[in-house]
Amino acid sequence: MITEQQKKNREAIARAKQRIIRYLNENEMIVFFLLGLSFLVMVGFLAVAVA
């Protein structure tokens, strides 16, 4: 059984997801920036691990 609070939390999470998706759709460059940044961080970790 889902309590009232769980229902509210799920609705709030769904609204937050929609807000994030809408924001990322409007600002595509942020997505590519974050992908590139995460790639550089992974390469950095790999370089430290191999060294």
N, C-alpha and C. Protein backbone atom coordinates (compact mmCIF):
# COMPACT_ATOMS: atom_id res chain seq x y z
N MET A 1 0.84 -1.19 0.00
CA MET A 1 0.00 0.00 0.00
C MET A 1 0.88 1.25 0.00
N ILE A 2 0.57 2.18 -0.84
CA ILE A 2 1.34 3.42 -0.94
C ILE A 2 0.71 4.46 -0.01
N THR A 3 1.54 5.04 0.85
CA THR A 3 1.03 6.07 1.74
C THR A 3 0.90 7.39 0.98
N GLU A 4 0.22 8.33 1.61
CA GLU A 4 0.01 9.64 0.99
C GLU A 4 1.35 10.35 0.77
N GLN A 5 2.26 10.21 1.75
CA GLN A 5 3.56 10.86 1.65
C GLN A 5 4.38 10.27 0.49
N GLN A 6 4.33 8.95 0.33
CA GLN A 6 5.05 8.32 -0.78
C GLN A 6 4.50 8.80 -2.11
N LYS A 7 3.19 8.95 -2.18
CA LYS A 7 2.56 9.43 -3.41
C LYS A 7 3.02 10.85 -3.73
N LYS A 8 3.06 11.71 -2.69
CA LYS A 8 3.53 13.09 -2.89
C LYS A 8 4.99 13.10 -3.35
N ASN A 9 5.80 12.25 -2.71
CA ASN A 9 7.22 12.20 -3.07
C ASN A 9 7.41 11.76 -4.52
N ARG A 10 6.65 10.75 -4.93
CA ARG A 10 6.77 10.26 -6.31
C ARG A 10 6.35 11.33 -7.31
N GLU A 11 5.30 12.06 -6.98
CA GLU A 11 4.85 13.13 -7.87
C GLU A 11 5.89 14.24 -7.94
N ALA A 12 6.50 14.57 -6.80
CA ALA A 12 7.53 15.62 -6.77
C ALA A 12 8.75 15.19 -7.58
N ILE A 13 9.14 13.92 -7.47
CA ILE A 13 10.28 13.42 -8.23
C ILE A 13 9.98 13.46 -9.72
N ALA A 14 8.75 13.09 -10.09
CA ALA A 14 8.37 13.11 -11.51
C ALA A 14 8.41 14.54 -12.05
N ARG A 15 7.93 15.50 -11.25
CA ARG A 15 7.98 16.91 -11.68
C ARG A 15 9.42 17.38 -11.83
N ALA A 16 10.28 17.00 -10.90
CA ALA A 16 11.69 17.40 -10.97
C ALA A 16 12.35 16.82 -12.22
N LYS A 17 12.05 15.56 -12.54
CA LYS A 17 12.61 14.94 -13.75
C LYS A 17 12.16 15.71 -14.98
N GLN A 18 10.89 16.07 -15.04
CA GLN A 18 10.39 16.81 -16.20
C GLN A 18 11.09 18.16 -16.32
N ARG A 19 11.31 18.83 -15.17
CA ARG A 19 12.00 20.13 -15.18
C ARG A 19 13.42 19.97 -15.71
N ILE A 20 14.12 18.94 -15.24
CA ILE A 20 15.50 18.72 -15.67
C ILE A 20 15.55 18.41 -17.16
N ILE A 21 14.64 17.55 -17.63
CA ILE A 21 14.62 17.19 -19.05
C ILE A 21 14.33 18.42 -19.90
N ARG A 22 13.38 19.24 -19.47
CA ARG A 22 13.05 20.45 -20.23
C ARG A 22 14.25 21.39 -20.28
N TYR A 23 14.95 21.54 -19.14
CA TYR A 23 16.11 22.43 -19.08
C TYR A 23 17.22 21.93 -20.01
N LEU A 24 17.48 20.61 -19.99
CA LEU A 24 18.54 20.07 -20.84
C LEU A 24 18.17 20.14 -22.32
N ASN A 25 16.90 20.04 -22.64
CA ASN A 25 16.48 20.18 -24.03
C ASN A 25 16.73 21.59 -24.54
N GLU A 26 16.54 22.58 -23.66
CA GLU A 26 16.75 23.97 -24.06
C GLU A 26 18.23 24.32 -24.12
N ASN A 27 19.06 23.65 -23.34
CA ASN A 27 20.49 23.98 -23.26
C ASN A 27 21.32 22.75 -23.63
N GLU A 28 21.37 22.46 -24.93
CA GLU A 28 22.04 21.24 -25.38
C GLU A 28 23.54 21.27 -25.10
N MET A 29 24.14 22.44 -25.14
CA MET A 29 25.59 22.52 -24.98
C MET A 29 26.03 22.04 -23.60
N ILE A 30 25.18 22.20 -22.59
CA ILE A 30 25.54 21.73 -21.25
C ILE A 30 25.73 20.22 -21.25
N VAL A 31 24.89 19.51 -22.01
CA VAL A 31 25.00 18.05 -22.08
C VAL A 31 26.36 17.65 -22.65
N PHE A 32 26.75 18.27 -23.76
CA PHE A 32 28.03 17.93 -24.37
C PHE A 32 29.19 18.34 -23.47
N PHE A 33 29.05 19.47 -22.78
CA PHE A 33 30.09 19.91 -21.86
C PHE A 33 30.27 18.90 -20.73
N LEU A 34 29.16 18.43 -20.16
CA LEU A 34 29.25 17.46 -19.07
C LEU A 34 29.80 16.12 -19.55
N LEU A 35 29.42 15.70 -20.77
CA LEU A 35 29.97 14.46 -21.32
C LEU A 35 31.48 14.57 -21.51
N GLY A 36 31.92 15.69 -22.07
CA GLY A 36 33.36 15.90 -22.28
C GLY A 36 34.11 15.98 -20.97
N LEU A 37 33.53 16.66 -20.00
CA LEU A 37 34.17 16.79 -18.69
C LEU A 37 34.29 15.44 -18.01
N SER A 38 33.24 14.63 -18.07
CA SER A 38 33.30 13.31 -17.44
C SER A 38 34.32 12.43 -18.16
N PHE A 39 34.41 12.56 -19.49
CA PHE A 39 35.41 11.80 -20.25
C PHE A 39 36.82 12.18 -19.81
N LEU A 40 37.07 13.48 -19.67
CA LEU A 40 38.40 13.93 -19.24
C LEU A 40 38.72 13.43 -17.84
N VAL A 41 37.75 13.44 -16.96
CA VAL A 41 37.97 12.96 -15.59
C VAL A 41 38.30 11.46 -15.60
N MET A 42 37.59 10.70 -16.42
CA MET A 42 37.87 9.26 -16.50
C MET A 42 39.27 9.01 -17.06
N VAL A 43 39.66 9.76 -18.07
CA VAL A 43 41.02 9.61 -18.62
C VAL A 43 42.05 9.98 -17.56
N GLY A 44 41.77 11.01 -16.78
CA GLY A 44 42.68 11.40 -15.70
C GLY A 44 42.82 10.31 -14.65
N PHE A 45 41.70 9.71 -14.25
CA PHE A 45 41.76 8.61 -13.28
C PHE A 45 42.55 7.43 -13.84
N LEU A 46 42.34 7.14 -15.12
CA LEU A 46 43.05 6.04 -15.76
C LEU A 46 44.55 6.32 -15.78
N ALA A 47 44.92 7.56 -16.08
CA ALA A 47 46.34 7.92 -16.13
C ALA A 47 46.98 7.78 -14.75
N VAL A 48 46.24 8.17 -13.71
CA VAL A 48 46.77 8.05 -12.35
C VAL A 48 46.88 6.58 -11.95
N ALA A 49 45.89 5.78 -12.36
CA ALA A 49 45.91 4.36 -11.99
C ALA A 49 47.05 3.61 -12.70
N VAL A 50 47.35 4.00 -13.94
CA VAL A 50 48.39 3.31 -14.70
C VAL A 50 49.78 3.75 -14.25
N ALA A 51 49.90 5.00 -13.84
CA ALA A 51 51.22 5.56 -13.48
C ALA A 51 51.80 4.88 -12.25
